[in-house]
Amino acid sequence: MSFFCAIFWICSFIEGKLVIIEANDSASYLSHDKQGLLGEFLKILKKDKYSGNREVGASICSILPECGYENICVWHDCVSASGREREKKKAIFTTFFSYLSEDVLLLLESEPENEEYKLWAEWMDCYYKTLKRLILQKKSTISMGIKLLTCTKGGE
């Protein structure tokens, strides 16, 4: 059972309000990304089994009513930084990007013959630092999509 499923299962017994925050990769953007590094990074992330199901948001609105939740509200937003907002860019990088390099190493360690994991490791060696530099540049704008859901259950 994934972490999300476990939390959701526990919450299915709780009355009150539920707030879900998840990544929305389709709304993510990086300016001056001529090599498409953000898109390639997100492709790997989508397949990374340690990063969870990054497409659960597509089905969550139909799952919530089945668990007794109502008054479901969905908001789409972004966490963004541009220009000289270097500290904010660093925080975005730490939150959204920092863990994939560790995940790829763990995956490759667990399955050293997995060709896809080898390709991911090569990509990380070649482009991860370049992606970080691009995000932190003064001229860049980084915007990572998020989806927020709220709902109620029980006497609310």
N, C-alpha and C. Protein backbone atom coordinates (compact mmCIF):
# COMPACT_ATOMS: atom_id res chain seq x y z
N MET A 1 0.86 -1.17 0.00
CA MET A 1 0.00 0.00 0.00
C MET A 1 0.90 1.23 0.00
N SER A 2 0.67 2.17 -0.91
CA SER A 2 1.48 3.38 -0.96
C SER A 2 1.16 4.27 0.24
N PHE A 3 2.08 5.21 0.50
CA PHE A 3 1.89 6.14 1.60
C PHE A 3 0.58 6.91 1.43
N PHE A 4 0.33 7.40 0.20
CA PHE A 4 -0.90 8.15 -0.06
C PHE A 4 -2.12 7.29 0.24
N CYS A 5 -2.12 6.06 -0.25
CA CYS A 5 -3.27 5.17 -0.02
C CYS A 5 -3.48 4.92 1.47
N ALA A 6 -2.39 4.75 2.21
CA ALA A 6 -2.49 4.51 3.65
C ALA A 6 -3.10 5.71 4.35
N ILE A 7 -2.62 6.89 4.02
CA ILE A 7 -3.16 8.11 4.63
C ILE A 7 -4.62 8.28 4.24
N PHE A 8 -4.92 8.06 2.96
CA PHE A 8 -6.29 8.21 2.49
C PHE A 8 -7.21 7.20 3.18
N TRP A 9 -6.73 5.98 3.37
CA TRP A 9 -7.52 4.94 4.04
C TRP A 9 -7.81 5.37 5.48
N ILE A 10 -6.81 5.89 6.17
CA ILE A 10 -7.01 6.36 7.54
C ILE A 10 -8.02 7.50 7.55
N CYS A 11 -7.88 8.44 6.62
CA CYS A 11 -8.77 9.60 6.56
C CYS A 11 -10.19 9.21 6.21
N SER A 12 -10.39 8.06 5.59
CA SER A 12 -11.74 7.68 5.20
C SER A 12 -12.62 7.39 6.42
N PHE A 13 -12.00 7.25 7.59
CA PHE A 13 -12.76 7.02 8.82
C PHE A 13 -12.92 8.28 9.66
N ILE A 14 -12.31 9.36 9.26
CA ILE A 14 -12.29 10.58 10.06
C ILE A 14 -13.34 11.56 9.54
N GLU A 15 -14.10 12.12 10.47
CA GLU A 15 -15.03 13.18 10.09
C GLU A 15 -14.28 14.50 10.13
N GLY A 16 -14.75 15.45 9.33
CA GLY A 16 -14.13 16.77 9.31
C GLY A 16 -13.70 17.15 7.91
N LYS A 17 -12.63 17.94 7.86
CA LYS A 17 -12.13 18.44 6.58
C LYS A 17 -10.86 17.70 6.19
N LEU A 18 -10.73 17.49 4.90
CA LEU A 18 -9.54 16.85 4.35
C LEU A 18 -8.95 17.81 3.33
N VAL A 19 -7.64 18.00 3.40
CA VAL A 19 -6.93 18.84 2.44
C VAL A 19 -5.87 17.96 1.78
N ILE A 20 -5.85 17.96 0.47
CA ILE A 20 -4.87 17.20 -0.30
C ILE A 20 -4.10 18.18 -1.17
N ILE A 21 -2.79 18.10 -1.11
CA ILE A 21 -1.92 18.93 -1.95
C ILE A 21 -1.04 17.98 -2.74
N GLU A 22 -1.04 18.14 -4.05
CA GLU A 22 -0.20 17.26 -4.87
C GLU A 22 0.38 18.04 -6.03
N ALA A 23 1.42 17.47 -6.60
CA ALA A 23 2.06 18.09 -7.76
C ALA A 23 1.16 17.98 -8.98
N ASN A 24 1.23 18.99 -9.83
CA ASN A 24 0.53 18.99 -11.11
C ASN A 24 1.58 19.26 -12.18
N ASP A 25 2.24 18.21 -12.62
CA ASP A 25 3.35 18.35 -13.55
C ASP A 25 2.96 19.03 -14.86
N SER A 26 1.73 18.87 -15.27
CA SER A 26 1.30 19.46 -16.55
C SER A 26 1.31 20.99 -16.51
N ALA A 27 1.32 21.58 -15.33
CA ALA A 27 1.33 23.04 -15.20
C ALA A 27 2.72 23.58 -14.86
N SER A 28 3.73 22.74 -14.92
CA SER A 28 5.08 23.17 -14.57
C SER A 28 5.78 23.79 -15.78
N TYR A 29 6.64 24.78 -15.50
CA TYR A 29 7.27 25.55 -16.57
C TYR A 29 8.64 26.05 -16.12
N LEU A 30 9.58 26.06 -17.03
CA LEU A 30 10.90 26.64 -16.79
C LEU A 30 11.29 27.45 -18.02
N SER A 31 11.51 28.75 -17.83
CA SER A 31 11.90 29.60 -18.96
C SER A 31 13.34 29.29 -19.39
N HIS A 32 13.66 29.63 -20.60
CA HIS A 32 15.01 29.47 -21.16
C HIS A 32 15.49 28.02 -21.14
N ASP A 33 14.56 27.08 -21.16
CA ASP A 33 14.89 25.65 -21.11
C ASP A 33 14.92 25.10 -22.53
N LYS A 34 15.92 25.53 -23.30
CA LYS A 34 16.01 25.15 -24.72
C LYS A 34 16.23 23.65 -24.91
N GLN A 35 16.83 22.98 -23.94
CA GLN A 35 17.10 21.55 -24.04
C GLN A 35 15.93 20.69 -23.56
N GLY A 36 14.91 21.32 -23.00
CA GLY A 36 13.78 20.56 -22.49
C GLY A 36 14.12 19.74 -21.25
N LEU A 37 15.01 20.26 -20.42
CA LEU A 37 15.46 19.52 -19.24
C LEU A 37 14.35 19.29 -18.22
N LEU A 38 13.50 20.29 -18.03
CA LEU A 38 12.39 20.11 -17.08
C LEU A 38 11.48 18.98 -17.54
N GLY A 39 11.14 18.96 -18.81
CA GLY A 39 10.27 17.90 -19.33
C GLY A 39 10.89 16.52 -19.18
N GLU A 40 12.18 16.41 -19.46
CA GLU A 40 12.87 15.12 -19.31
C GLU A 40 12.91 14.70 -17.84
N PHE A 41 13.18 15.66 -16.97
CA PHE A 41 13.20 15.38 -15.53
C PHE A 41 11.84 14.85 -15.08
N LEU A 42 10.77 15.52 -15.51
CA LEU A 42 9.42 15.11 -15.11
C LEU A 42 9.05 13.74 -15.67
N LYS A 43 9.57 13.40 -16.86
CA LYS A 43 9.31 12.06 -17.42
C LYS A 43 9.92 10.98 -16.53
N ILE A 44 11.15 11.22 -16.07
CA ILE A 44 11.79 10.25 -15.17
C ILE A 44 11.02 10.19 -13.86
N LEU A 45 10.68 11.35 -13.33
CA LEU A 45 9.97 11.43 -12.05
C LEU A 45 8.65 10.68 -12.10
N LYS A 46 7.96 10.77 -13.22
CA LYS A 46 6.67 10.09 -13.38
C LYS A 46 6.82 8.58 -13.27
N LYS A 47 7.97 8.05 -13.69
CA LYS A 47 8.20 6.61 -13.65
C LYS A 47 8.90 6.15 -12.37
N ASP A 48 9.40 7.09 -11.59
CA ASP A 48 10.12 6.78 -10.34
C ASP A 48 9.13 6.21 -9.32
N LYS A 49 9.28 4.95 -8.98
CA LYS A 49 8.32 4.31 -8.08
C LYS A 49 8.38 4.87 -6.67
N TYR A 50 9.48 5.53 -6.30
CA TYR A 50 9.58 6.11 -4.97
C TYR A 50 8.90 7.48 -4.87
N SER A 51 8.61 8.10 -5.98
CA SER A 51 7.97 9.42 -5.92
C SER A 51 6.45 9.33 -5.88
N GLY A 52 5.92 8.13 -5.87
CA GLY A 52 4.47 7.95 -5.75
C GLY A 52 3.77 8.07 -7.08
N ASN A 53 2.47 7.92 -7.04
CA ASN A 53 1.65 8.02 -8.24
C ASN A 53 1.38 9.49 -8.53
N ARG A 54 2.05 10.03 -9.52
CA ARG A 54 1.92 11.44 -9.84
C ARG A 54 0.68 11.73 -10.69
N GLU A 55 -0.14 10.72 -10.93
CA GLU A 55 -1.37 10.92 -11.69
C GLU A 55 -2.61 10.61 -10.86
N VAL A 56 -2.46 10.52 -9.55
CA VAL A 56 -3.60 10.18 -8.70
C VAL A 56 -4.66 11.29 -8.74
N GLY A 57 -4.23 12.50 -9.00
CA GLY A 57 -5.17 13.62 -9.05
C GLY A 57 -6.26 13.46 -10.08
N ALA A 58 -5.97 12.72 -11.13
CA ALA A 58 -6.97 12.51 -12.18
C ALA A 58 -8.15 11.69 -11.69
N SER A 59 -7.93 10.84 -10.71
CA SER A 59 -9.01 9.97 -10.22
C SER A 59 -9.51 10.32 -8.82
N ILE A 60 -8.82 11.20 -8.13
CA ILE A 60 -9.16 11.45 -6.73
C ILE A 60 -10.56 12.02 -6.56
N CYS A 61 -11.01 12.84 -7.49
CA CYS A 61 -12.34 13.45 -7.36
C CYS A 61 -13.46 12.43 -7.46
N SER A 62 -13.21 11.29 -8.08
CA SER A 62 -14.23 10.24 -8.11
C SER A 62 -14.09 9.30 -6.91
N ILE A 63 -12.91 9.22 -6.34
CA ILE A 63 -12.68 8.36 -5.18
C ILE A 63 -13.26 8.98 -3.91
N LEU A 64 -13.11 10.29 -3.76
CA LEU A 64 -13.56 10.96 -2.53
C LEU A 64 -15.03 10.72 -2.21
N PRO A 65 -15.96 10.89 -3.16
CA PRO A 65 -17.37 10.64 -2.84
C PRO A 65 -17.64 9.18 -2.44
N GLU A 66 -16.90 8.25 -3.03
CA GLU A 66 -17.05 6.84 -2.68
C GLU A 66 -16.67 6.58 -1.22
N CYS A 67 -15.84 7.46 -0.67
CA CYS A 67 -15.40 7.33 0.73
C CYS A 67 -16.22 8.22 1.66
N GLY A 68 -17.28 8.80 1.14
CA GLY A 68 -18.17 9.61 1.98
C GLY A 68 -17.85 11.08 2.05
N TYR A 69 -16.91 11.56 1.24
CA TYR A 69 -16.58 12.99 1.25
C TYR A 69 -17.48 13.74 0.29
N GLU A 70 -17.74 14.99 0.64
CA GLU A 70 -18.58 15.85 -0.20
C GLU A 70 -18.00 17.26 -0.17
N ASN A 71 -18.68 18.18 -0.84
CA ASN A 71 -18.22 19.57 -0.93
C ASN A 71 -16.77 19.62 -1.43
N ILE A 72 -16.50 18.87 -2.47
CA ILE A 72 -15.14 18.79 -3.01
C ILE A 72 -14.84 20.04 -3.83
N CYS A 73 -13.75 20.71 -3.46
CA CYS A 73 -13.30 21.89 -4.19
C CYS A 73 -11.88 21.62 -4.69
N VAL A 74 -11.62 22.03 -5.92
CA VAL A 74 -10.31 21.81 -6.52
C VAL A 74 -9.75 23.16 -6.97
N TRP A 75 -8.51 23.42 -6.61
CA TRP A 75 -7.82 24.62 -7.04
C TRP A 75 -6.53 24.22 -7.73
N HIS A 76 -6.22 24.92 -8.81
CA HIS A 76 -4.95 24.71 -9.51
C HIS A 76 -4.12 25.97 -9.30
N ASP A 77 -2.89 25.79 -8.93
CA ASP A 77 -2.02 26.93 -8.66
C ASP A 77 -0.59 26.54 -8.99
N CYS A 78 0.32 27.45 -8.77
CA CYS A 78 1.74 27.18 -9.01
C CYS A 78 2.57 27.77 -7.88
N VAL A 79 3.69 27.15 -7.63
CA VAL A 79 4.71 27.71 -6.77
C VAL A 79 5.77 28.22 -7.73
N SER A 80 5.99 29.54 -7.71
CA SER A 80 6.84 30.14 -8.74
C SER A 80 7.89 31.06 -8.15
N ALA A 81 8.96 31.23 -8.91
CA ALA A 81 10.00 32.20 -8.57
C ALA A 81 10.63 32.67 -9.88
N SER A 82 11.03 33.93 -9.89
CA SER A 82 11.66 34.46 -11.10
C SER A 82 12.72 35.48 -10.74
N GLY A 83 13.50 35.85 -11.73
CA GLY A 83 14.49 36.89 -11.55
C GLY A 83 15.44 36.63 -10.39
N ARG A 84 15.50 37.59 -9.50
CA ARG A 84 16.46 37.55 -8.40
C ARG A 84 15.95 36.82 -7.15
N GLU A 85 14.86 36.11 -7.26
CA GLU A 85 14.31 35.38 -6.10
C GLU A 85 15.08 34.07 -5.89
N ARG A 86 16.38 34.20 -5.68
CA ARG A 86 17.27 33.03 -5.60
C ARG A 86 16.91 32.09 -4.45
N GLU A 87 16.63 32.63 -3.28
CA GLU A 87 16.29 31.78 -2.13
C GLU A 87 15.00 31.00 -2.39
N LYS A 88 14.06 31.65 -3.01
CA LYS A 88 12.80 30.97 -3.34
C LYS A 88 13.05 29.89 -4.39
N LYS A 89 13.90 30.18 -5.37
CA LYS A 89 14.25 29.19 -6.38
C LYS A 89 14.95 27.98 -5.74
N LYS A 90 15.83 28.26 -4.78
CA LYS A 90 16.51 27.16 -4.06
C LYS A 90 15.49 26.30 -3.32
N ALA A 91 14.52 26.95 -2.68
CA ALA A 91 13.49 26.21 -1.95
C ALA A 91 12.65 25.35 -2.90
N ILE A 92 12.32 25.90 -4.06
CA ILE A 92 11.57 25.13 -5.06
C ILE A 92 12.40 23.95 -5.53
N PHE A 93 13.69 24.18 -5.78
CA PHE A 93 14.54 23.08 -6.23
C PHE A 93 14.60 21.98 -5.17
N THR A 94 14.79 22.38 -3.93
CA THR A 94 14.87 21.39 -2.84
C THR A 94 13.57 20.60 -2.74
N THR A 95 12.44 21.28 -2.82
CA THR A 95 11.14 20.63 -2.66
C THR A 95 10.80 19.71 -3.83
N PHE A 96 11.01 20.17 -5.04
CA PHE A 96 10.51 19.45 -6.21
C PHE A 96 11.57 18.60 -6.95
N PHE A 97 12.85 18.88 -6.73
CA PHE A 97 13.88 18.25 -7.56
C PHE A 97 14.93 17.44 -6.81
N SER A 98 15.20 17.76 -5.57
CA SER A 98 16.38 17.23 -4.89
C SER A 98 16.37 15.73 -4.67
N TYR A 99 15.23 15.12 -4.53
CA TYR A 99 15.17 13.71 -4.14
C TYR A 99 15.36 12.74 -5.30
N LEU A 100 15.19 13.17 -6.53
CA LEU A 100 15.25 12.22 -7.65
C LEU A 100 16.64 11.59 -7.81
N SER A 101 17.69 12.36 -7.58
CA SER A 101 19.03 11.79 -7.73
C SER A 101 19.24 10.64 -6.75
N GLU A 102 18.75 10.79 -5.52
CA GLU A 102 18.84 9.70 -4.54
C GLU A 102 17.97 8.52 -4.95
N ASP A 103 16.78 8.81 -5.44
CA ASP A 103 15.88 7.74 -5.88
C ASP A 103 16.52 6.90 -6.98
N VAL A 104 17.12 7.58 -7.95
CA VAL A 104 17.73 6.86 -9.07
C VAL A 104 18.87 5.97 -8.58
N LEU A 105 19.67 6.47 -7.65
CA LEU A 105 20.74 5.63 -7.08
C LEU A 105 20.18 4.41 -6.37
N LEU A 106 19.12 4.60 -5.59
CA LEU A 106 18.49 3.48 -4.88
C LEU A 106 17.90 2.47 -5.86
N LEU A 107 17.24 2.97 -6.89
CA LEU A 107 16.65 2.08 -7.89
C LEU A 107 17.73 1.27 -8.60
N LEU A 108 18.80 1.94 -8.98
CA LEU A 108 19.89 1.26 -9.68
C LEU A 108 20.58 0.25 -8.76
N GLU A 109 20.69 0.60 -7.50
CA GLU A 109 21.28 -0.32 -6.52
C GLU A 109 20.41 -1.58 -6.36
N SER A 110 19.10 -1.39 -6.37
CA SER A 110 18.20 -2.53 -6.19
C SER A 110 18.07 -3.39 -7.46
N GLU A 111 18.24 -2.75 -8.62
CA GLU A 111 18.15 -3.48 -9.89
C GLU A 111 19.28 -3.01 -10.82
N PRO A 112 20.51 -3.45 -10.56
CA PRO A 112 21.66 -2.94 -11.33
C PRO A 112 21.63 -3.25 -12.82
N GLU A 113 20.85 -4.22 -13.22
CA GLU A 113 20.79 -4.59 -14.64
C GLU A 113 19.64 -3.89 -15.38
N ASN A 114 18.86 -3.10 -14.69
CA ASN A 114 17.71 -2.43 -15.30
C ASN A 114 18.21 -1.33 -16.24
N GLU A 115 17.96 -1.51 -17.53
CA GLU A 115 18.45 -0.58 -18.55
C GLU A 115 17.85 0.82 -18.40
N GLU A 116 16.59 0.87 -18.04
CA GLU A 116 15.95 2.18 -17.88
C GLU A 116 16.60 2.96 -16.73
N TYR A 117 16.85 2.30 -15.62
CA TYR A 117 17.50 2.95 -14.49
C TYR A 117 18.91 3.42 -14.86
N LYS A 118 19.60 2.64 -15.68
CA LYS A 118 20.94 3.04 -16.15
C LYS A 118 20.85 4.32 -16.97
N LEU A 119 19.84 4.39 -17.84
CA LEU A 119 19.65 5.60 -18.66
C LEU A 119 19.32 6.80 -17.78
N TRP A 120 18.49 6.58 -16.76
CA TRP A 120 18.17 7.67 -15.84
C TRP A 120 19.42 8.16 -15.13
N ALA A 121 20.26 7.23 -14.67
CA ALA A 121 21.50 7.60 -13.98
C ALA A 121 22.41 8.41 -14.91
N GLU A 122 22.49 8.00 -16.16
CA GLU A 122 23.29 8.75 -17.15
C GLU A 122 22.72 10.15 -17.33
N TRP A 123 21.40 10.25 -17.44
CA TRP A 123 20.76 11.55 -17.62
C TRP A 123 21.07 12.44 -16.41
N MET A 124 20.93 11.88 -15.21
CA MET A 124 21.20 12.65 -14.00
C MET A 124 22.65 13.12 -13.98
N ASP A 125 23.59 12.26 -14.36
CA ASP A 125 25.01 12.64 -14.39
C ASP A 125 25.26 13.77 -15.38
N CYS A 126 24.57 13.73 -16.51
CA CYS A 126 24.79 14.72 -17.57
C CYS A 126 24.04 16.03 -17.37
N TYR A 127 22.83 15.97 -16.84
CA TYR A 127 21.95 17.14 -16.90
C TYR A 127 21.42 17.68 -15.57
N TYR A 128 21.53 16.94 -14.50
CA TYR A 128 20.93 17.37 -13.22
C TYR A 128 21.51 18.70 -12.74
N LYS A 129 22.83 18.82 -12.75
CA LYS A 129 23.47 20.07 -12.31
C LYS A 129 23.15 21.22 -13.27
N THR A 130 23.07 20.91 -14.55
CA THR A 130 22.71 21.92 -15.54
C THR A 130 21.29 22.43 -15.29
N LEU A 131 20.39 21.52 -14.98
CA LEU A 131 19.01 21.90 -14.66
C LEU A 131 18.98 22.80 -13.43
N LYS A 132 19.72 22.43 -12.41
CA LYS A 132 19.77 23.25 -11.19
C LYS A 132 20.31 24.65 -11.49
N ARG A 133 21.40 24.73 -12.25
CA ARG A 133 21.96 26.04 -12.61
C ARG A 133 20.95 26.87 -13.39
N LEU A 134 20.26 26.24 -14.32
CA LEU A 134 19.26 26.95 -15.12
C LEU A 134 18.15 27.51 -14.23
N ILE A 135 17.68 26.71 -13.30
CA ILE A 135 16.62 27.16 -12.38
C ILE A 135 17.09 28.34 -11.55
N LEU A 136 18.35 28.33 -11.10
CA LEU A 136 18.86 29.37 -10.21
C LEU A 136 19.34 30.62 -10.93
N GLN A 137 19.42 30.60 -12.27
CA GLN A 137 19.86 31.78 -13.01
C GLN A 137 18.92 32.96 -12.78
N LYS A 138 19.49 34.16 -12.79
CA LYS A 138 18.69 35.38 -12.61
C LYS A 138 17.64 35.54 -13.70
N LYS A 139 17.96 35.11 -14.91
CA LYS A 139 17.03 35.32 -16.02
C LYS A 139 15.89 34.30 -16.06
N SER A 140 15.97 33.27 -15.24
CA SER A 140 14.98 32.19 -15.33
C SER A 140 13.73 32.43 -14.48
N THR A 141 12.66 31.80 -14.91
CA THR A 141 11.42 31.71 -14.15
C THR A 141 11.08 30.24 -14.04
N ILE A 142 10.85 29.79 -12.81
CA ILE A 142 10.45 28.41 -12.57
C ILE A 142 9.06 28.43 -11.95
N SER A 143 8.21 27.58 -12.44
CA SER A 143 6.85 27.49 -11.94
C SER A 143 6.46 26.02 -11.87
N MET A 144 6.18 25.55 -10.68
CA MET A 144 5.80 24.15 -10.48
C MET A 144 4.33 24.08 -10.12
N GLY A 145 3.58 23.34 -10.91
CA GLY A 145 2.14 23.25 -10.72
C GLY A 145 1.78 22.44 -9.48
N ILE A 146 0.74 22.90 -8.81
CA ILE A 146 0.19 22.16 -7.68
C ILE A 146 -1.33 22.12 -7.80
N LYS A 147 -1.90 21.10 -7.23
CA LYS A 147 -3.35 20.93 -7.21
C LYS A 147 -3.75 20.80 -5.74
N LEU A 148 -4.71 21.60 -5.33
CA LEU A 148 -5.21 21.55 -3.96
C LEU A 148 -6.65 21.09 -3.98
N LEU A 149 -6.96 20.15 -3.12
CA LEU A 149 -8.33 19.66 -3.00
C LEU A 149 -8.75 19.78 -1.54
N THR A 150 -9.95 20.23 -1.32
CA THR A 150 -10.53 20.21 0.02
C THR A 150 -11.89 19.54 -0.07
N CYS A 151 -12.28 18.92 1.02
CA CYS A 151 -13.59 18.28 1.07
C CYS A 151 -13.97 18.07 2.53
N THR A 152 -15.21 17.73 2.75
CA THR A 152 -15.70 17.50 4.11
C THR A 152 -16.36 16.14 4.20
N LYS A 153 -16.44 15.68 5.43
CA LYS A 153 -17.10 14.41 5.70
C LYS A 153 -17.79 14.52 7.05
N GLY A 154 -18.99 14.04 7.10
CA GLY A 154 -19.69 14.05 8.37
C GLY A 154 -20.45 15.32 8.61
N GLY A 155 -20.44 15.78 9.84
CA GLY A 155 -21.28 16.88 10.29
C GLY A 155 -20.91 18.26 9.81
N GLU A 156 -19.97 18.41 8.93
CA GLU A 156 -19.54 19.75 8.48
C GLU A 156 -20.40 20.24 7.33
